Amino acid sequence: MILLAINIPLVGLFARLLSVPAWVLMPFTVVVSTIGVYSGKSTTFDLVLMVGLGFAAYLLRRIGVPMAPLILGLVLGRILEQSLRRSLSLSGGDVGILLWSSPISIVLWTMAAGVLIIPLLLPGFARRRNRNAVEVE
């Protein structure tokens, strides 16, 4: 609620930030990122890692790899791994706790399976619909 109260009056300022040219915004972003990375642990390794990952991200973007899944994996990977270890430790190594321990997990796994299976079935449905449309004419 506090963030909402603070950010609503600043919406106009944030909208004007979109009109700042990229040649001004990019160096500012690099400087702020460098200061943030160095202030975290104060090691040169983190700066080298930042530059290396930035270069790798630039190359991946040039060949058309989307950045959102990579960033999500980087941010959520550690949390997911810790939660997986904790749940497997509590269950004594039983993987079933991940699959069917609660109704919500069953619903989520069913939805995930649907997201993977439905795109495979859609071309067949489209062909069948086109075949039926040709027969009706």
C-alpha atoms as a PDB file:
ATOM      1  CA  MET A   1       0.000   0.000   0.000  1.00  0.00           C
ATOM      2  CA  ILE A   2       2.848   2.361   0.776  1.00  0.00           C
ATOM      3  CA  LEU A   3       4.446   1.706  -2.623  1.00  0.00           C
ATOM      4  CA  LEU A   4       1.114   2.368  -4.291  1.00  0.00           C
ATOM      5  CA  ALA A   5       0.714   5.655  -2.416  1.00  0.00           C
ATOM      6  CA  ILE A   6       4.233   6.719  -3.355  1.00  0.00           C
ATOM      7  CA  ASN A   7       4.111   5.638  -7.009  1.00  0.00           C
ATOM      8  CA  ILE A   8       0.711   7.018  -8.047  1.00  0.00           C
ATOM      9  CA  PRO A   9       1.865  10.671  -7.865  1.00  0.00           C
ATOM     10  CA  LEU A  10       5.035   9.754  -9.791  1.00  0.00           C
ATOM     11  CA  VAL A  11       3.282   8.168 -12.793  1.00  0.00           C
ATOM     12  CA  GLY A  12       3.850  11.282 -14.920  1.00  0.00           C
ATOM     13  CA  LEU A  13       7.553  11.271 -14.137  1.00  0.00           C
ATOM     14  CA  PHE A  14       7.838   7.582 -15.013  1.00  0.00           C
ATOM     15  CA  ALA A  15       6.002   8.206 -18.295  1.00  0.00           C
ATOM     16  CA  ARG A  16       8.447  11.006 -19.164  1.00  0.00           C
ATOM     17  CA  LEU A  17      11.351   8.588 -18.619  1.00  0.00           C
ATOM     18  CA  LEU A  18      10.203   6.810 -21.773  1.00  0.00           C
ATOM     19  CA  SER A  19      11.078   9.888 -23.807  1.00  0.00           C
ATOM     20  CA  VAL A  20      14.727   9.858 -22.651  1.00  0.00           C
ATOM     21  CA  PRO A  21      16.942   8.783 -25.569  1.00  0.00           C
ATOM     22  CA  ALA A  22      18.667   5.414 -25.303  1.00  0.00           C
ATOM     23  CA  TRP A  23      22.120   6.984 -25.691  1.00  0.00           C
ATOM     24  CA  VAL A  24      21.525   8.832 -22.402  1.00  0.00           C
ATOM     25  CA  LEU A  25      19.760   6.031 -20.558  1.00  0.00           C
ATOM     26  CA  MET A  26      22.185   3.194 -21.372  1.00  0.00           C
ATOM     27  CA  PRO A  27      25.352   4.665 -19.772  1.00  0.00           C
ATOM     28  CA  PHE A  28      23.341   5.644 -16.689  1.00  0.00           C
ATOM     29  CA  THR A  29      22.004   2.092 -16.415  1.00  0.00           C
ATOM     30  CA  VAL A  30      25.504   0.620 -16.780  1.00  0.00           C
ATOM     31  CA  VAL A  31      26.914   2.892 -14.063  1.00  0.00           C
ATOM     32  CA  VAL A  32      24.078   2.164 -11.616  1.00  0.00           C
ATOM     33  CA  SER A  33      24.343  -1.584 -12.325  1.00  0.00           C
ATOM     34  CA  THR A  34      28.108  -1.551 -11.792  1.00  0.00           C
ATOM     35  CA  ILE A  35      27.778   0.313  -8.495  1.00  0.00           C
ATOM     36  CA  GLY A  36      25.051  -2.092  -7.376  1.00  0.00           C
ATOM     37  CA  VAL A  37      27.056  -5.199  -8.250  1.00  0.00           C
ATOM     38  CA  TYR A  38      30.219  -3.919  -6.581  1.00  0.00           C
ATOM     39  CA  SER A  39      28.397  -2.781  -3.440  1.00  0.00           C
ATOM     40  CA  GLY A  40      26.960  -6.277  -2.946  1.00  0.00           C
ATOM     41  CA  LYS A  41      30.187  -8.123  -2.045  1.00  0.00           C
ATOM     42  CA  SER A  42      32.885  -5.603  -3.032  1.00  0.00           C
ATOM     43  CA  THR A  43      34.718  -8.124  -5.210  1.00  0.00           C
ATOM     44  CA  THR A  44      36.181  -7.659  -8.642  1.00  0.00           C
ATOM     45  CA  PHE A  45      34.986 -11.143  -9.585  1.00  0.00           C
ATOM     46  CA  ASP A  46      31.381  -9.931  -9.431  1.00  0.00           C
ATOM     47  CA  LEU A  47      32.212  -7.091 -11.828  1.00  0.00           C
ATOM     48  CA  VAL A  48      33.917  -9.484 -14.254  1.00  0.00           C
ATOM     49  CA  LEU A  49      30.953 -11.838 -13.966  1.00  0.00           C
ATOM     50  CA  MET A  50      28.554  -8.961 -14.689  1.00  0.00           C
ATOM     51  CA  VAL A  51      30.480  -7.959 -17.808  1.00  0.00           C
ATOM     52  CA  GLY A  52      30.740 -11.582 -18.975  1.00  0.00           C
ATOM     53  CA  LEU A  53      27.042 -12.257 -18.466  1.00  0.00           C
ATOM     54  CA  GLY A  54      26.199  -8.958 -20.151  1.00  0.00           C
ATOM     55  CA  PHE A  55      28.269  -9.938 -23.182  1.00  0.00           C
ATOM     56  CA  ALA A  56      26.683 -13.410 -23.245  1.00  0.00           C
ATOM     57  CA  ALA A  57      23.212 -11.852 -23.013  1.00  0.00           C
ATOM     58  CA  TYR A  58      24.076  -9.511 -25.895  1.00  0.00           C
ATOM     59  CA  LEU A  59      25.178 -12.452 -28.060  1.00  0.00           C
ATOM     60  CA  LEU A  60      22.100 -14.497 -27.140  1.00  0.00           C
ATOM     61  CA  ARG A  61      19.833 -11.562 -27.958  1.00  0.00           C
ATOM     62  CA  ARG A  62      21.569 -11.110 -31.334  1.00  0.00           C
ATOM     63  CA  ILE A  63      20.775 -14.718 -32.303  1.00  0.00           C
ATOM     64  CA  GLY A  64      17.165 -14.386 -31.135  1.00  0.00           C
ATOM     65  CA  VAL A  65      17.114 -16.186 -27.774  1.00  0.00           C
ATOM     66  CA  PRO A  66      14.465 -14.651 -25.473  1.00  0.00           C
ATOM     67  CA  MET A  67      15.862 -13.157 -22.263  1.00  0.00           C
ATOM     68  CA  ALA A  68      12.799 -13.547 -20.009  1.00  0.00           C
ATOM     69  CA  PRO A  69      13.164 -17.327 -19.430  1.00  0.00           C
ATOM     70  CA  LEU A  70      16.874 -16.932 -18.716  1.00  0.00           C
ATOM     71  CA  ILE A  71      16.275 -14.180 -16.170  1.00  0.00           C
ATOM     72  CA  LEU A  72      13.453 -16.139 -14.526  1.00  0.00           C
ATOM     73  CA  GLY A  73      15.690 -19.185 -14.275  1.00  0.00           C
ATOM     74  CA  LEU A  74      18.500 -17.123 -12.799  1.00  0.00           C
ATOM     75  CA  VAL A  75      16.267 -15.459 -10.217  1.00  0.00           C
ATOM     76  CA  LEU A  76      14.013 -18.378  -9.287  1.00  0.00           C
ATOM     77  CA  GLY A  77      16.466 -21.257  -9.753  1.00  0.00           C
ATOM     78  CA  ARG A  78      18.033 -21.074  -6.318  1.00  0.00           C
ATOM     79  CA  ILE A  79      14.663 -20.720  -4.559  1.00  0.00           C
ATOM     80  CA  LEU A  80      13.224 -23.645  -6.507  1.00  0.00           C
ATOM     81  CA  GLU A  81      16.217 -25.850  -5.735  1.00  0.00           C
ATOM     82  CA  GLN A  82      16.082 -25.076  -2.009  1.00  0.00           C
ATOM     83  CA  SER A  83      12.343 -25.772  -1.873  1.00  0.00           C
ATOM     84  CA  LEU A  84      12.793 -29.032  -3.786  1.00  0.00           C
ATOM     85  CA  ARG A  85      15.524 -30.195  -1.398  1.00  0.00           C
ATOM     86  CA  ARG A  86      13.438 -29.266   1.629  1.00  0.00           C
ATOM     87  CA  SER A  87      10.315 -31.061   0.397  1.00  0.00           C
ATOM     88  CA  LEU A  88      12.258 -34.185  -0.600  1.00  0.00           C
ATOM     89  CA  SER A  89      14.012 -34.177   2.754  1.00  0.00           C
ATOM     90  CA  LEU A  90      10.718 -33.895   4.633  1.00  0.00           C
ATOM     91  CA  SER A  91       9.134 -36.668   2.569  1.00  0.00           C
ATOM     92  CA  GLY A  92      12.069 -39.033   2.939  1.00  0.00           C
ATOM     93  CA  GLY A  93      12.938 -38.853  -0.757  1.00  0.00           C
ATOM     94  CA  ASP A  94       9.408 -39.639  -1.977  1.00  0.00           C
ATOM     95  CA  VAL A  95       8.814 -37.806  -5.277  1.00  0.00           C
ATOM     96  CA  GLY A  96       5.068 -38.359  -4.895  1.00  0.00           C
ATOM     97  CA  ILE A  97       4.905 -35.395  -2.537  1.00  0.00           C
ATOM     98  CA  LEU A  98       5.546 -33.170  -5.557  1.00  0.00           C
ATOM     99  CA  LEU A  99       2.930 -34.813  -7.743  1.00  0.00           C
ATOM    100  CA  TRP A 100      -0.173 -35.725  -5.778  1.00  0.00           C
ATOM    101  CA  SER A 101       0.197 -34.588  -2.178  1.00  0.00           C
ATOM    102  CA  SER A 102      -2.583 -31.979  -2.387  1.00  0.00           C
ATOM    103  CA  PRO A 103      -5.474 -31.106  -4.709  1.00  0.00           C
ATOM    104  CA  ILE A 104      -3.790 -27.887  -5.826  1.00  0.00           C
ATOM    105  CA  SER A 105      -0.684 -29.765  -6.957  1.00  0.00           C
ATOM    106  CA  ILE A 106      -2.856 -32.152  -8.986  1.00  0.00           C
ATOM    107  CA  VAL A 107      -4.614 -29.184 -10.640  1.00  0.00           C
ATOM    108  CA  LEU A 108      -1.302 -27.451 -11.393  1.00  0.00           C
ATOM    109  CA  TRP A 109       0.273 -30.610 -12.862  1.00  0.00           C
ATOM    110  CA  THR A 110      -2.850 -31.191 -14.975  1.00  0.00           C
ATOM    111  CA  MET A 111      -2.698 -27.623 -16.270  1.00  0.00           C
ATOM    112  CA  ALA A 112       1.024 -27.967 -17.039  1.00  0.00           C
ATOM    113  CA  ALA A 113       0.365 -31.188 -18.952  1.00  0.00           C
ATOM    114  CA  GLY A 114      -2.442 -29.473 -20.851  1.00  0.00           C
ATOM    115  CA  VAL A 115      -0.171 -26.592 -21.833  1.00  0.00           C
ATOM    116  CA  LEU A 116       2.307 -29.096 -23.257  1.00  0.00           C
ATOM    117  CA  ILE A 117      -0.197 -31.438 -24.950  1.00  0.00           C
ATOM    118  CA  ILE A 118      -2.811 -29.065 -26.428  1.00  0.00           C
ATOM    119  CA  PRO A 119      -0.421 -27.386 -28.935  1.00  0.00           C
ATOM    120  CA  LEU A 120       0.437 -30.843 -30.252  1.00  0.00           C
ATOM    121  CA  LEU A 121      -3.244 -31.643 -30.820  1.00  0.00           C
ATOM    122  CA  LEU A 122      -4.350 -28.318 -32.356  1.00  0.00           C
ATOM    123  CA  PRO A 123      -2.962 -28.938 -35.878  1.00  0.00           C
ATOM    124  CA  GLY A 124      -4.946 -32.183 -36.059  1.00  0.00           C
ATOM    125  CA  PHE A 125      -8.133 -30.391 -35.003  1.00  0.00           C
ATOM    126  CA  ALA A 126      -7.554 -27.683 -37.643  1.00  0.00           C
ATOM    127  CA  ARG A 127      -7.052 -30.286 -40.400  1.00  0.00           C
ATOM    128  CA  ARG A 128     -10.207 -32.117 -39.375  1.00  0.00           C
ATOM    129  CA  ARG A 129     -12.188 -28.848 -39.355  1.00  0.00           C
ATOM    130  CA  ASN A 130     -10.862 -27.915 -42.825  1.00  0.00           C
ATOM    131  CA  ARG A 131     -11.704 -31.392 -44.138  1.00  0.00           C
ATOM    132  CA  ASN A 132     -15.269 -31.097 -42.793  1.00  0.00           C
ATOM    133  CA  ALA A 133     -15.630 -27.612 -44.306  1.00  0.00           C
ATOM    134  CA  VAL A 134     -14.583 -28.934 -47.729  1.00  0.00           C
ATOM    135  CA  GLU A 135     -17.091 -31.818 -47.497  1.00  0.00           C
ATOM    136  CA  VAL A 136     -19.961 -29.433 -46.648  1.00  0.00           C
ATOM    137  CA  GLU A 137     -19.316 -27.272 -49.714  1.00  0.00           C
END
